[in-house]
Protein backbone atom coordinates (compact mmCIF):
# COMPACT_ATOMS: atom_id res chain seq x y z
CA PHE A 1 -41.33 -44.34 -5.40
CA LEU A 2 -45.08 -44.00 -4.90
CA ALA A 3 -45.08 -46.67 -2.21
CA LYS A 4 -42.47 -44.76 -0.19
CA THR A 5 -43.91 -41.32 -0.89
CA ILE A 6 -47.62 -42.01 -0.37
CA ARG A 7 -48.44 -45.56 0.73
CA ARG A 8 -47.74 -49.20 -0.04
CA GLY A 9 -49.45 -51.03 -2.88
CA LEU A 10 -49.48 -48.15 -5.35
CA SER A 11 -48.15 -48.28 -8.88
CA ALA A 12 -47.52 -46.16 -11.94
CA GLY A 13 -46.95 -47.06 -15.56
CA ARG A 14 -46.60 -45.66 -19.02
CA VAL A 15 -50.23 -46.46 -19.95
CA GLN A 16 -52.10 -46.54 -16.62
CA SER A 17 -50.61 -43.22 -15.47
CA VAL A 18 -51.55 -41.51 -18.72
CA ALA A 19 -55.09 -42.94 -18.52
CA LEU A 20 -55.35 -41.61 -14.96
CA ARG A 21 -53.95 -38.24 -16.03
CA ILE A 22 -56.58 -37.96 -18.79
CA ILE A 23 -59.33 -38.53 -16.21
CA VAL A 24 -57.78 -36.11 -13.69
CA ASP A 25 -57.21 -33.42 -16.34
CA ARG A 26 -60.86 -33.67 -17.36
CA GLU A 27 -61.92 -33.27 -13.73
CA GLU A 28 -59.79 -30.13 -13.49
CA GLU A 29 -61.46 -28.79 -16.64
CA ILE A 30 -64.86 -29.42 -15.07
CA ARG A 31 -63.86 -27.57 -11.86
CA LYS A 32 -62.50 -24.60 -13.77
CA PHE A 33 -65.46 -24.44 -16.13
CA LYS A 34 -67.55 -21.30 -15.88
CA PRO A 35 -71.04 -21.70 -17.36
CA GLU A 36 -72.17 -19.03 -19.78
CA GLU A 37 -75.78 -18.03 -20.26
CA TYR A 38 -77.43 -18.22 -23.66
CA TRP A 39 -81.00 -18.28 -24.96
CA SER A 40 -82.83 -20.03 -27.76
CA ILE A 41 -86.10 -19.04 -29.41
CA ASP A 42 -88.21 -21.82 -30.89
CA ALA A 43 -91.37 -21.60 -32.95
CA ARG A 44 -94.01 -24.28 -33.46
CA LEU A 45 -95.56 -23.76 -36.87
CA THR A 46 -98.11 -25.25 -39.26
CA ALA A 47 -98.15 -24.98 -43.04
CA GLU A 48 -101.10 -23.97 -45.19
CA GLY A 49 -103.57 -26.80 -45.55
CA SER A 50 -101.79 -28.97 -42.97
CA ARG A 51 -102.47 -29.80 -39.34
CA SER A 52 -98.96 -31.16 -38.83
CA ILE A 53 -96.95 -29.05 -36.40
CA PHE A 54 -93.20 -28.73 -36.95
CA GLY A 55 -90.47 -26.84 -35.16
CA ALA A 56 -88.18 -24.06 -36.36
CA SER A 57 -85.27 -22.47 -34.47
CA PHE A 58 -84.22 -18.82 -34.42
CA TYR A 59 -81.08 -18.25 -36.48
CA GLY A 60 -80.50 -14.51 -36.83
CA ASP A 61 -81.20 -11.93 -39.52
CA LYS A 62 -80.09 -11.16 -43.07
CA ASN A 63 -76.66 -10.14 -41.74
CA GLY A 64 -75.99 -13.57 -40.24
CA GLU A 65 -76.32 -15.58 -37.05
CA ILE A 66 -77.31 -13.80 -33.82
CA LYS A 67 -76.28 -15.27 -30.46
CA ILE A 68 -78.75 -14.44 -27.69
CA THR A 69 -76.89 -14.05 -24.40
CA ASN A 70 -79.51 -12.75 -21.94
CA LYS A 71 -83.25 -12.48 -21.21
CA GLU A 72 -83.48 -8.84 -22.22
CA GLN A 73 -82.17 -9.62 -25.70
CA SER A 74 -84.52 -12.62 -25.98
CA ASP A 75 -87.54 -10.58 -24.83
CA LYS A 76 -86.81 -7.83 -27.37
CA ILE A 77 -86.68 -10.31 -30.26
CA LEU A 78 -89.89 -11.99 -29.05
CA ALA A 79 -91.60 -8.59 -28.92
CA ASP A 80 -90.48 -7.84 -32.48
CA LEU A 81 -91.88 -11.20 -33.60
CA GLU A 82 -95.35 -10.71 -32.12
CA SER A 83 -96.68 -9.03 -35.26
CA ALA A 84 -94.28 -10.64 -37.76
CA ALA A 85 -95.57 -12.81 -40.61
CA PHE A 86 -93.80 -16.17 -40.91
CA MET A 87 -93.14 -17.25 -44.49
CA VAL A 88 -91.08 -19.96 -46.20
CA GLU A 89 -88.23 -18.27 -48.08
CA SER A 90 -86.54 -21.35 -49.52
CA VAL A 91 -86.64 -25.14 -49.36
CA LYS A 92 -83.67 -27.40 -50.10
CA LYS A 93 -84.19 -31.12 -50.57
CA GLY A 94 -81.46 -33.72 -50.75
CA LYS A 95 -80.39 -37.27 -50.03
CA LYS A 96 -77.97 -38.49 -47.39
CA ASN A 97 -76.23 -41.85 -47.31
CA LYS A 98 -75.36 -43.42 -43.97
CA GLN A 99 -72.69 -46.09 -44.16
CA PRO A 100 -72.48 -49.04 -41.77
CA ALA A 101 -69.76 -49.14 -39.15
CA PRO A 102 -66.78 -51.46 -39.81
CA PRO A 103 -66.52 -54.80 -38.01
CA PHE A 104 -65.28 -54.77 -34.44
CA ILE A 105 -61.71 -54.54 -33.28
CA THR A 106 -60.93 -54.95 -29.58
CA SER A 107 -61.30 -51.29 -28.66
CA THR A 108 -64.54 -50.71 -30.57
CA LEU A 109 -66.03 -53.93 -29.16
CA GLN A 110 -65.31 -52.68 -25.63
CA GLN A 111 -66.79 -49.27 -26.45
CA GLU A 112 -69.98 -50.62 -28.00
CA ALA A 113 -70.50 -53.22 -25.27
CA SER A 114 -70.21 -50.39 -22.75
CA ARG A 115 -72.72 -48.19 -24.60
CA LYS A 116 -75.29 -50.79 -25.57
CA LEU A 117 -74.94 -53.53 -22.96
CA GLY A 118 -73.52 -51.62 -19.98
CA PHE A 119 -70.57 -54.06 -19.83
CA GLN A 120 -67.28 -53.03 -18.29
CA ALA A 121 -64.24 -53.84 -20.43
CA LYS A 122 -63.22 -56.74 -18.19
CA ARG A 123 -66.68 -58.31 -18.46
CA THR A 124 -66.67 -57.87 -22.24
CA MET A 125 -63.29 -59.56 -22.65
CA LYS A 126 -64.27 -62.45 -20.36
CA ALA A 127 -67.36 -63.24 -22.45
CA ALA A 128 -65.41 -62.77 -25.70
CA GLN A 129 -62.70 -65.15 -24.48
CA GLU A 130 -65.33 -67.79 -23.78
CA LEU A 131 -66.93 -67.35 -27.21
CA TYR A 132 -63.51 -67.64 -28.85
CA GLU A 133 -62.36 -70.69 -26.90
CA GLY A 134 -65.55 -72.58 -27.66
CA VAL A 135 -69.01 -73.22 -26.27
CA ASP A 136 -70.94 -76.51 -26.28
CA ILE A 137 -73.68 -76.00 -28.87
CA GLU A 138 -76.57 -78.43 -28.80
CA GLY A 139 -76.14 -81.00 -31.55
CA MET A 140 -72.72 -79.65 -32.59
CA GLY A 141 -70.39 -80.05 -29.62
CA ALA A 142 -67.78 -77.43 -28.68
CA VAL A 143 -67.73 -74.61 -31.22
CA GLY A 144 -65.58 -71.47 -31.30
CA LEU A 145 -68.18 -68.85 -32.20
CA ILE A 146 -65.95 -65.82 -32.88
CA THR A 147 -62.49 -65.09 -34.23
CA TYR A 148 -59.65 -63.92 -31.97
CA MET A 149 -60.85 -61.02 -29.85
CA ARG A 150 -57.55 -59.18 -29.32
CA THR A 151 -56.93 -57.42 -32.61
CA ASP A 152 -56.60 -53.97 -34.15
CA SER A 153 -57.12 -55.13 -37.73
CA LEU A 154 -60.20 -54.55 -39.90
CA ARG A 155 -59.20 -57.27 -42.35
CA ILE A 156 -61.88 -59.85 -43.22
CA SER A 157 -61.25 -63.12 -45.06
CA GLU A 158 -62.84 -63.44 -48.50
CA ASP A 159 -64.68 -66.61 -47.41
CA ALA A 160 -66.31 -64.71 -44.53
CA VAL A 161 -67.31 -61.84 -46.84
CA GLN A 162 -68.90 -64.19 -49.38
CA GLU A 163 -70.77 -66.07 -46.66
CA ALA A 164 -72.18 -62.76 -45.33
CA VAL A 165 -73.15 -61.61 -48.85
CA GLN A 166 -75.00 -64.87 -49.50
CA PHE A 167 -76.79 -64.71 -46.14
CA ILE A 168 -77.92 -61.09 -46.67
CA GLY A 169 -79.22 -61.81 -50.17
CA GLU A 170 -81.22 -64.78 -48.94
CA ARG A 171 -82.57 -63.08 -45.81
CA TRP A 172 -83.38 -59.53 -47.02
CA GLY A 173 -82.93 -59.58 -50.78
CA LYS A 174 -80.31 -58.30 -53.21
CA GLN A 175 -81.40 -54.67 -52.71
CA TYR A 176 -79.78 -54.87 -49.27
CA LEU A 177 -76.37 -55.59 -50.78
CA PRO A 178 -73.94 -52.85 -51.86
CA SER A 179 -72.71 -52.75 -55.47
CA LYS A 180 -69.57 -54.60 -54.35
CA PRO A 181 -68.42 -56.23 -51.08
CA ARG A 182 -67.03 -53.85 -48.49
CA HIS A 183 -63.41 -53.90 -47.37
CA TYR A 184 -62.20 -51.69 -44.53
CA LYS A 185 -58.82 -50.08 -43.97
CA ALA A 186 -57.18 -50.23 -40.54
CA ARG A 187 -55.36 -47.29 -38.98
CA ALA A 188 -51.74 -46.78 -40.00
CA ASN A 189 -50.08 -48.38 -36.95
CA ALA A 190 -52.36 -51.43 -36.75
CA GLN A 191 -50.42 -54.64 -36.17
CA ASP A 192 -52.77 -56.61 -38.44
CA GLY A 193 -51.87 -59.93 -36.83
CA HIS A 194 -55.45 -61.22 -36.78
CA GLU A 195 -58.71 -60.61 -38.62
CA ALA A 196 -61.38 -58.26 -37.33
CA ILE A 197 -63.68 -59.74 -34.68
CA ARG A 198 -66.48 -61.60 -36.45
CA PRO A 199 -68.59 -64.76 -36.10
CA THR A 200 -66.80 -67.84 -37.35
CA SER A 201 -69.97 -68.69 -39.27
CA VAL A 202 -72.73 -66.24 -40.19
CA ALA A 203 -75.03 -69.24 -40.55
CA LEU A 204 -74.99 -69.66 -36.75
CA THR A 205 -77.39 -66.84 -35.94
CA PRO A 206 -77.82 -65.56 -32.37
CA LYS A 207 -81.26 -67.19 -32.23
CA ASP A 208 -79.78 -70.57 -33.25
CA VAL A 209 -77.29 -70.63 -30.35
CA GLU A 210 -79.16 -68.66 -27.66
CA SER A 211 -80.20 -71.72 -25.67
CA SER A 212 -76.56 -72.86 -25.41
CA LEU A 213 -75.11 -69.55 -24.22
CA SER A 214 -75.06 -67.65 -20.93
CA LYS A 215 -76.78 -64.25 -20.91
CA ASP A 216 -73.48 -62.37 -21.29
CA GLN A 217 -72.28 -64.69 -24.04
CA TYR A 218 -75.55 -64.34 -25.95
CA LYS A 219 -75.67 -60.55 -25.70
CA LEU A 220 -72.08 -60.19 -26.86
CA TYR A 221 -72.40 -62.75 -29.66
CA LYS A 222 -75.55 -61.01 -30.93
CA LEU A 223 -73.69 -57.68 -30.92
CA ILE A 224 -70.70 -59.12 -32.84
CA TRP A 225 -72.88 -61.05 -35.29
CA GLU A 226 -75.14 -58.10 -36.10
CA ARG A 227 -72.23 -55.66 -36.47
CA PHE A 228 -70.42 -57.99 -38.87
CA VAL A 229 -73.42 -58.78 -41.05
CA ALA A 230 -74.43 -55.09 -41.14
CA CYS A 231 -70.94 -54.07 -42.28
CA GLN A 232 -71.61 -55.93 -45.57
CA MET A 233 -75.04 -54.40 -46.17
CA ALA A 234 -76.19 -51.46 -48.31
CA ASN A 235 -76.26 -47.87 -47.07
CA CYS A 236 -79.25 -46.34 -45.32
CA VAL A 237 -80.64 -43.58 -47.55
CA LEU A 238 -82.36 -40.52 -46.06
CA ASN A 239 -84.47 -37.85 -47.76
CA THR A 240 -83.49 -34.55 -46.17
CA THR A 241 -85.30 -31.19 -46.16
CA GLN A 242 -83.93 -27.83 -45.01
CA ALA A 243 -86.17 -24.77 -44.91
CA VAL A 244 -85.32 -21.11 -44.37
CA ILE A 245 -88.20 -19.15 -42.83
CA THR A 246 -88.45 -15.35 -42.58
CA ALA A 247 -90.31 -13.51 -39.82
CA GLY A 248 -90.02 -9.77 -40.37
CA ASP A 249 -86.31 -8.98 -40.29
CA TYR A 250 -85.46 -12.25 -38.59
CA ILE A 251 -84.67 -15.73 -39.91
CA PHE A 252 -85.64 -19.16 -38.57
CA LYS A 253 -84.41 -22.53 -39.83
CA ALA A 254 -86.08 -25.94 -39.86
CA SER A 255 -84.77 -29.32 -40.94
CA GLY A 256 -86.07 -32.84 -41.12
CA TYR A 257 -85.66 -36.18 -42.84
CA ASN A 258 -87.37 -39.43 -43.63
CA VAL A 259 -85.95 -42.84 -44.43
CA ALA A 260 -86.02 -43.60 -48.14
CA PHE A 261 -84.29 -46.99 -47.71
CA ASP A 262 -83.39 -48.53 -44.36
CA GLY A 263 -80.43 -50.57 -45.64
CA TYR A 264 -78.20 -51.90 -42.87
CA THR A 265 -80.29 -50.19 -40.17
CA VAL A 266 -82.88 -52.94 -40.61
CA LEU A 267 -80.42 -54.99 -38.52
CA TYR A 268 -78.05 -52.73 -36.58
CA GLU A 269 -77.11 -49.13 -35.75
CA GLU A 270 -73.94 -48.07 -33.95
CA GLY A 271 -74.34 -46.60 -30.47
CA ARG A 272 -73.25 -43.09 -29.51
CA ASP A 273 -71.69 -41.69 -26.32
CA VAL A 274 -74.21 -38.84 -26.54
CA GLU A 275 -77.52 -39.89 -28.00
CA GLU A 276 -78.64 -37.85 -30.98
CA GLU A 277 -82.14 -36.40 -31.07
CA LYS A 278 -84.48 -38.32 -33.31
CA GLY A 279 -85.18 -36.20 -36.35
CA LYS A 280 -88.68 -35.65 -37.70
CA ASP A 281 -89.84 -35.21 -41.24
CA LEU A 282 -91.14 -31.80 -42.28
CA PRO A 283 -94.54 -31.37 -43.91
CA LYS A 284 -94.64 -30.42 -47.56
CA LEU A 285 -93.18 -26.90 -47.76
CA GLU A 286 -92.75 -24.57 -50.74
CA ALA A 287 -91.10 -21.17 -51.15
CA GLY A 288 -93.57 -18.34 -50.55
CA MET A 289 -95.87 -20.44 -48.35
CA SER A 290 -97.37 -18.66 -45.32
CA LEU A 291 -97.03 -20.31 -41.94
CA LYS A 292 -99.18 -20.05 -38.84
CA VAL A 293 -97.54 -19.65 -35.42
CA ARG A 294 -98.85 -22.09 -32.83
CA ASP A 295 -96.31 -21.25 -30.16
CA LEU A 296 -93.26 -19.02 -29.75
CA LYS A 297 -91.04 -19.00 -26.70
CA GLY A 298 -87.56 -18.18 -25.44
CA THR A 299 -85.64 -20.67 -23.29
CA GLN A 300 -82.69 -20.00 -21.03
CA HIS A 301 -79.68 -22.34 -21.23
CA PHE A 302 -76.21 -22.53 -19.75
CA THR A 303 -73.16 -24.01 -21.42
CA GLN A 304 -72.23 -27.35 -19.90
CA PRO A 305 -68.78 -28.51 -18.75
CA PRO A 306 -67.13 -31.34 -20.67
CA ALA A 307 -68.51 -34.73 -19.66
CA ARG A 308 -66.53 -37.09 -17.48
CA PHE A 309 -65.04 -40.05 -19.26
CA THR A 310 -66.94 -43.31 -19.48
CA GLU A 311 -65.18 -46.58 -20.26
CA ALA A 312 -66.22 -46.19 -23.89
CA SER A 313 -65.00 -42.60 -24.27
CA LEU A 314 -61.77 -43.27 -22.32
CA ILE A 315 -60.89 -46.25 -24.53
CA LYS A 316 -61.70 -44.18 -27.61
CA THR A 317 -59.41 -41.37 -26.39
CA LEU A 318 -56.56 -43.77 -25.60
CA GLU A 319 -56.90 -45.36 -29.02
CA GLU A 320 -57.09 -42.03 -30.88
CA ASN A 321 -53.91 -40.87 -29.14
CA GLY A 322 -52.04 -44.11 -29.83
CA ILE A 323 -51.71 -45.00 -26.15
CA GLY A 324 -51.47 -48.66 -25.19
CA ARG A 325 -52.74 -51.66 -27.12
CA PRO A 326 -56.29 -53.01 -27.50
CA SER A 327 -55.38 -55.96 -25.28
CA THR A 328 -54.23 -53.65 -22.45
CA TYR A 329 -57.28 -51.41 -22.06
CA ALA A 330 -59.31 -53.74 -19.85
CA ALA A 331 -56.31 -54.39 -17.57
CA THR A 332 -55.50 -50.67 -17.40
CA ILE A 333 -59.04 -49.76 -16.35
CA THR A 334 -59.07 -52.59 -13.79
CA THR A 335 -55.81 -51.31 -12.29
CA ILE A 336 -56.86 -47.67 -11.85
CA THR A 337 -60.21 -48.69 -10.35
CA SER A 338 -58.98 -51.50 -8.08
CA ARG A 339 -56.20 -49.30 -6.67
CA GLU A 340 -58.81 -46.62 -5.94
CA TYR A 341 -57.32 -43.99 -8.22
CA VAL A 342 -60.78 -43.47 -9.71
CA THR A 343 -64.34 -44.33 -8.73
CA ARG A 344 -67.40 -44.92 -10.86
CA GLU A 345 -70.37 -42.59 -10.73
CA GLY A 346 -72.90 -44.33 -12.92
CA LYS A 347 -70.98 -45.05 -16.11
CA SER A 348 -68.52 -42.19 -15.55
CA PHE A 349 -65.06 -42.13 -13.96
CA LYS A 350 -64.27 -39.63 -11.22
CA PRO A 351 -60.73 -39.39 -9.82
CA THR A 352 -60.29 -39.93 -6.10
CA GLU A 353 -58.14 -37.67 -3.94
CA LEU A 354 -55.49 -40.39 -4.09
CA GLY A 355 -55.63 -40.43 -7.89
CA GLU A 356 -55.24 -36.66 -8.07
CA VAL A 357 -52.31 -36.68 -5.63
CA ILE A 358 -50.54 -39.39 -7.64
CA THR A 359 -51.10 -37.54 -10.92
CA LYS A 360 -49.80 -34.28 -9.44
CA LEU A 361 -46.73 -36.07 -8.08
CA MET A 362 -46.07 -37.84 -11.39
CA LYS A 363 -46.41 -34.59 -13.34
CA GLU A 364 -43.87 -32.94 -11.05
CA ARG A 365 -41.36 -35.78 -10.73
CA PHE A 366 -41.80 -37.90 -13.90
CA PRO A 367 -43.37 -35.60 -16.49
CA ASP A 368 -42.39 -37.83 -19.44
CA ILE A 369 -44.15 -40.90 -18.06
CA VAL A 370 -47.50 -39.08 -17.95
CA ASN A 371 -46.97 -37.14 -21.17
CA ILE A 372 -49.50 -38.27 -23.78
CA LYS A 373 -47.25 -37.53 -26.77
CA PHE A 374 -44.27 -39.26 -25.14
CA THR A 375 -46.30 -42.38 -24.44
CA ALA A 376 -47.64 -42.47 -28.01
CA ALA A 377 -44.06 -42.04 -29.32
CA VAL A 378 -42.96 -45.07 -27.28
CA GLU A 379 -45.76 -47.09 -28.89
CA LYS A 380 -44.44 -46.06 -32.29
CA GLU A 381 -40.90 -47.08 -31.32
CA LEU A 382 -42.17 -50.48 -30.16
CA ASP A 383 -43.89 -50.92 -33.53
CA GLU A 384 -40.58 -50.13 -35.23
CA VAL A 385 -38.84 -52.73 -33.06
CA GLN A 386 -41.45 -55.30 -34.06
CA SER A 387 -41.01 -54.49 -37.77
CA GLY A 388 -37.22 -54.67 -37.47
CA GLN A 389 -36.64 -50.97 -38.15
CA GLU A 390 -35.20 -50.34 -34.68
CA ASP A 391 -32.88 -52.33 -32.42
CA TRP A 392 -34.68 -53.31 -29.22
CA VAL A 393 -31.62 -52.81 -26.99
CA HIS A 394 -31.09 -49.29 -28.34
CA THR A 395 -34.79 -48.52 -27.84
CA LEU A 396 -34.67 -49.73 -24.23
CA HIS A 397 -31.59 -47.61 -23.52
CA ASP A 398 -33.28 -44.54 -25.03
CA PHE A 399 -36.10 -44.90 -22.53
CA TYR A 400 -34.55 -46.52 -19.48
CA ASP A 401 -31.35 -44.50 -19.12
CA ASP A 402 -33.21 -41.21 -18.74
CA PHE A 403 -35.92 -42.82 -16.65
CA ASP A 404 -33.38 -44.44 -14.31
CA ARG A 405 -31.63 -41.13 -13.81
CA ALA A 406 -34.90 -39.37 -13.02
CA ALA A 407 -35.88 -42.15 -10.63
CA ALA A 408 -32.52 -41.94 -8.84
CA VAL A 409 -32.93 -38.20 -8.39
CA GLN A 410 -36.36 -38.69 -6.86
CA ARG A 411 -35.23 -41.51 -4.55
CA THR A 412 -32.34 -39.38 -3.33
CA GLY A 413 -34.73 -36.49 -2.80
CA MET A 414 -36.93 -38.72 -0.69
CA ALA A 415 -33.98 -39.59 1.53
CA VAL A 416 -33.10 -35.91 1.86
CA ASP A 417 -36.67 -34.99 2.78
CA TRP A 418 -36.78 -37.67 5.45
CA ILE A 419 -33.41 -36.66 6.86
CA ASN A 420 -34.47 -33.01 6.96
CA ALA A 421 -37.62 -33.90 8.86
CA GLN A 422 -35.61 -35.85 11.42
CA ALA A 423 -33.03 -33.10 11.78
CA ALA A 424 -35.78 -30.53 12.25
CA GLY A 425 -37.04 -32.60 15.16
CA TYR A 426 -33.70 -32.01 16.88
CA GLY A 427 -33.93 -28.25 16.55
CA ALA A 428 -32.32 -27.57 13.16
CA ALA A 429 -33.45 -24.41 11.45
CA PRO A 430 -35.22 -25.47 8.22
CA GLN A 431 -33.18 -23.17 5.98
CA LEU A 432 -29.99 -24.83 7.23
CA ILE A 433 -31.16 -28.31 6.38
CA CYS A 434 -31.79 -28.64 2.67
CA ASP A 435 -32.55 -26.45 -0.33
CA ARG A 436 -34.06 -28.88 -2.80
CA SER A 437 -34.05 -27.69 -6.38
CA GLU A 438 -37.23 -28.14 -8.44
CA ASP A 439 -36.05 -31.35 -10.05
CA GLY A 440 -34.48 -32.64 -6.83
CA SER A 441 -31.11 -33.13 -8.51
CA ASP A 442 -29.05 -30.89 -6.25
CA ALA A 443 -30.64 -32.15 -3.05
CA ALA A 444 -28.04 -30.25 -0.99
CA LEU A 445 -25.94 -33.39 -0.77
CA THR A 446 -22.74 -31.40 -0.86
CA ARG A 447 -23.55 -29.35 2.24
CA SER A 448 -21.52 -31.43 4.66
CA TYR A 449 -21.64 -28.65 7.21
CA LEU A 450 -25.42 -28.20 7.21
CA LEU A 451 -25.97 -29.62 10.69
CA GLN A 452 -23.50 -27.30 12.43
CA SER A 453 -26.43 -25.71 14.22
CA ALA A 454 -28.66 -28.75 14.23
CA ILE A 455 -28.16 -29.69 17.85
CA ARG A 456 -28.78 -26.93 20.32
CA GLY A 457 -27.14 -27.24 23.71
CA GLY A 458 -23.47 -27.32 22.75
CA GLU A 459 -21.88 -30.20 24.65
CA ASN A 460 -25.08 -32.26 24.74
CA SER A 461 -23.45 -35.40 23.39
CA GLU A 462 -26.38 -37.56 24.57
CA GLU A 463 -28.79 -35.72 22.25
CA SER A 464 -26.24 -35.77 19.46
CA THR A 465 -25.80 -39.49 19.85
CA ALA A 466 -29.59 -40.03 19.79
CA PHE A 467 -29.78 -38.11 16.54
CA LEU A 468 -26.98 -40.14 15.01
CA GLU A 469 -28.55 -43.41 16.08
CA GLU A 470 -31.85 -42.42 14.52
CA MET A 471 -30.10 -41.38 11.34
CA ASP A 472 -28.22 -44.66 11.25
CA ALA A 473 -31.53 -46.52 11.53
CA LEU A 474 -32.73 -44.52 8.54
CA CYS A 475 -29.68 -45.56 6.56
CA GLU A 476 -30.21 -49.20 7.42
CA SER A 477 -33.82 -48.90 6.28
CA LEU A 478 -32.91 -47.24 3.01
CA ALA A 479 -30.08 -49.65 2.32
CA THR A 480 -32.47 -52.62 2.50
CA ASP A 481 -34.20 -51.22 -0.57
CA SER A 482 -32.11 -52.55 -3.45
CA ARG A 483 -33.15 -49.61 -5.60
CA LEU A 484 -31.64 -47.21 -3.10
CA ALA A 485 -28.69 -49.27 -1.97
CA VAL A 486 -26.90 -48.97 -5.29
CA TYR A 487 -26.84 -45.21 -4.87
CA GLY A 488 -25.15 -45.44 -1.52
CA ALA A 489 -28.07 -44.30 0.61
CA ARG A 490 -26.08 -44.79 3.80
CA GLN A 491 -23.26 -42.67 2.48
CA ILE A 492 -25.60 -39.97 1.24
CA ALA A 493 -27.20 -39.76 4.66
CA PHE A 494 -23.73 -40.00 6.20
CA LEU A 495 -22.83 -36.58 4.81
CA PHE A 496 -25.59 -35.13 6.92
CA TYR A 497 -24.04 -36.48 10.11
CA LEU A 498 -21.08 -34.14 9.71
CA PRO A 499 -20.24 -32.06 12.08
CA ILE A 500 -22.45 -31.72 15.16
CA SER A 501 -21.72 -28.47 16.99
CA GLY A 502 -19.62 -28.88 20.11
CA THR A 503 -19.40 -32.64 19.72
CA SER A 504 -16.36 -34.77 19.14
CA PHE A 505 -16.75 -38.45 18.33
CA THR A 506 -15.55 -41.14 15.98
CA MET A 507 -18.00 -42.09 13.22
CA ALA A 508 -18.92 -45.70 12.64
CA HIS A 509 -17.45 -47.67 9.79
CA TYR A 510 -19.31 -47.08 6.53
CA ALA A 511 -18.51 -49.11 3.45
CA ASP A 512 -19.69 -49.38 -0.12
CA ASP A 513 -17.93 -51.33 -2.85
CA GLY A 514 -15.09 -51.99 -0.41
CA ALA A 515 -14.43 -48.33 0.39
CA SER A 516 -14.36 -47.28 4.05
CA PHE A 517 -12.96 -44.63 6.28
CA TYR A 518 -12.84 -43.30 9.80
CA TYR A 519 -12.35 -39.78 10.96
CA GLU A 520 -13.09 -37.45 13.85
CA TYR A 521 -15.07 -34.25 13.76
CA SER A 522 -12.14 -32.27 15.21
CA CYS A 523 -10.03 -32.91 12.10
CA LEU A 524 -12.77 -32.99 9.47
CA TYR A 525 -11.19 -30.43 7.15
CA LYS A 526 -7.64 -30.80 8.38
CA THR A 527 -6.73 -34.40 7.69
CA ASP A 528 -5.48 -36.13 4.59
CA ALA A 529 -7.38 -39.31 5.49
CA TYR A 530 -9.80 -38.69 2.63
CA THR A 531 -7.68 -36.71 0.18
CA ASP A 532 -4.14 -35.68 -0.63
CA GLY A 533 -4.67 -32.29 0.90
CA GLU A 534 -7.19 -29.89 2.37
CA PRO A 535 -10.19 -29.63 0.03
CA GLU A 536 -10.95 -26.28 -1.58
CA SER A 537 -14.47 -26.21 -0.15
CA PRO A 538 -17.10 -28.36 1.53
CA ALA A 539 -18.58 -28.93 -1.94
CA THR A 540 -15.30 -30.35 -3.22
CA PHE A 541 -15.04 -32.54 -0.15
CA ALA A 542 -18.55 -33.85 -0.63
CA HIS A 543 -17.94 -34.66 -4.29
CA GLU A 544 -14.88 -36.66 -3.30
CA ILE A 545 -16.94 -38.56 -0.75
CA LEU A 546 -19.62 -39.30 -3.33
CA HIS A 547 -17.08 -40.63 -5.81
CA LEU A 548 -15.37 -42.65 -3.11
CA PHE A 549 -18.64 -44.40 -2.40
CA GLY A 550 -19.51 -44.97 -6.06
CA ALA A 551 -22.29 -42.37 -6.28
CA PRO A 552 -23.76 -41.65 -9.76
CA ASP A 553 -21.75 -39.40 -12.06
CA PHE A 554 -24.68 -37.08 -12.64
CA TYR A 555 -24.06 -35.45 -9.27
CA GLU A 556 -20.86 -34.06 -10.74
CA GLY A 557 -21.14 -30.30 -10.91
CA SER A 558 -24.10 -29.97 -8.55
CA SER A 559 -23.85 -26.91 -6.40
């Protein structure tokens, strides 16, 4: 469909088309986004008896938060603060536990390799495949360094857990171990066919094997090794401080933290799509303490549009919505980039004009295929087939029967559009050619008389013949496409040959499934060659023709 509508070499699919739609939809959000102005007021303060400067941000007043939307509002608050005394109203101290990330599954490995190493998914999976298949390690021979890399399970074998626990205790001490080994739960629809991605032996550290690995292999192995070992380590513990500061009628807030125990962060911290600001510790603050203002200023900001998708954030979105499988993400991204549906700008994806045209066309003609919820539902049905809850033949019929019908409608519509364009070239008024309905299903196939005014010039049989020859060439072209042939493309187009004003001729022999007939224009509605009597209307006649040539039943009742 896409190859005939746009150009050769294009494709669509249940996962790739949804991935493309997600990127295109985000681009549309960015275009429609209207930035809104807002202001912040920040103070740089020092506490009594301290030279340490810390920051506090304007919050509001005793009635609640105040949003500053323009310079005038910001300037008024700054003027009010010029003579205000800054004082600590309250201080709240606490502890925060940061837990390590679980071991890698395919999707999270691709995301983290993108964030931390700048690897594209294809590059990540190539290196992972090599590590899994085995690498010649000096003094050991060929060794498979990681477990199977296509998995959505967080399960870890007990032997691997115990090996990690022993290694951590020996390397960093027992204080770096949690009270009991960690076990992680996979998402509900995980297939759980393989373990999580981990080193086959924790004892083979990245440093031990570095000299035997390529740069990509080493970087990826180090990432997998550190993530796995860290997932069995103790939490990172932070001391947190939150202070509420009054300044006249206004309120400022300050927060900070320090690391009480580094825990797993001594080895590894998970990357983020948007880097978080590094927090600073606050000086010793107590309620009632006076503060000195070192600096006070207002800053203009504008709200930012949503960010374009990176490989990491796209994979995360696909996974969160249950679209595709971990093993398909790299291939999906390769397809939409290699076919020029999207381009890369830095790490981000931007849809091309071609990608946007395809998405628009798919939304209009095949809305289910690019519907995120529909695609996720199909994944669920496939899981049920795998578990034996659903019959695979029934599941295929549920999807394919509707899809095949929609595809047939669109292919017929394409033929109609082409025929209309050709007819228009011979002088047909556009409104007499075809009134396509929104879904293309009616396609004006029943209007056997639509070309009555197509050929101007009355008895100009030469021009009429040229038109018919060109239309016949179209039919031959369409009929060579097996997808179209079964729907009787020649016969569909044949209806549009009928009657040419002022022309009398015998039509060529058209056959499909053994059916054929001949007739002349002069007796089109007056012969019983095609029926037992004169048809009630051109629509009835056309329906009989369609059935004669084995056309799909869903045209029954079209107007």
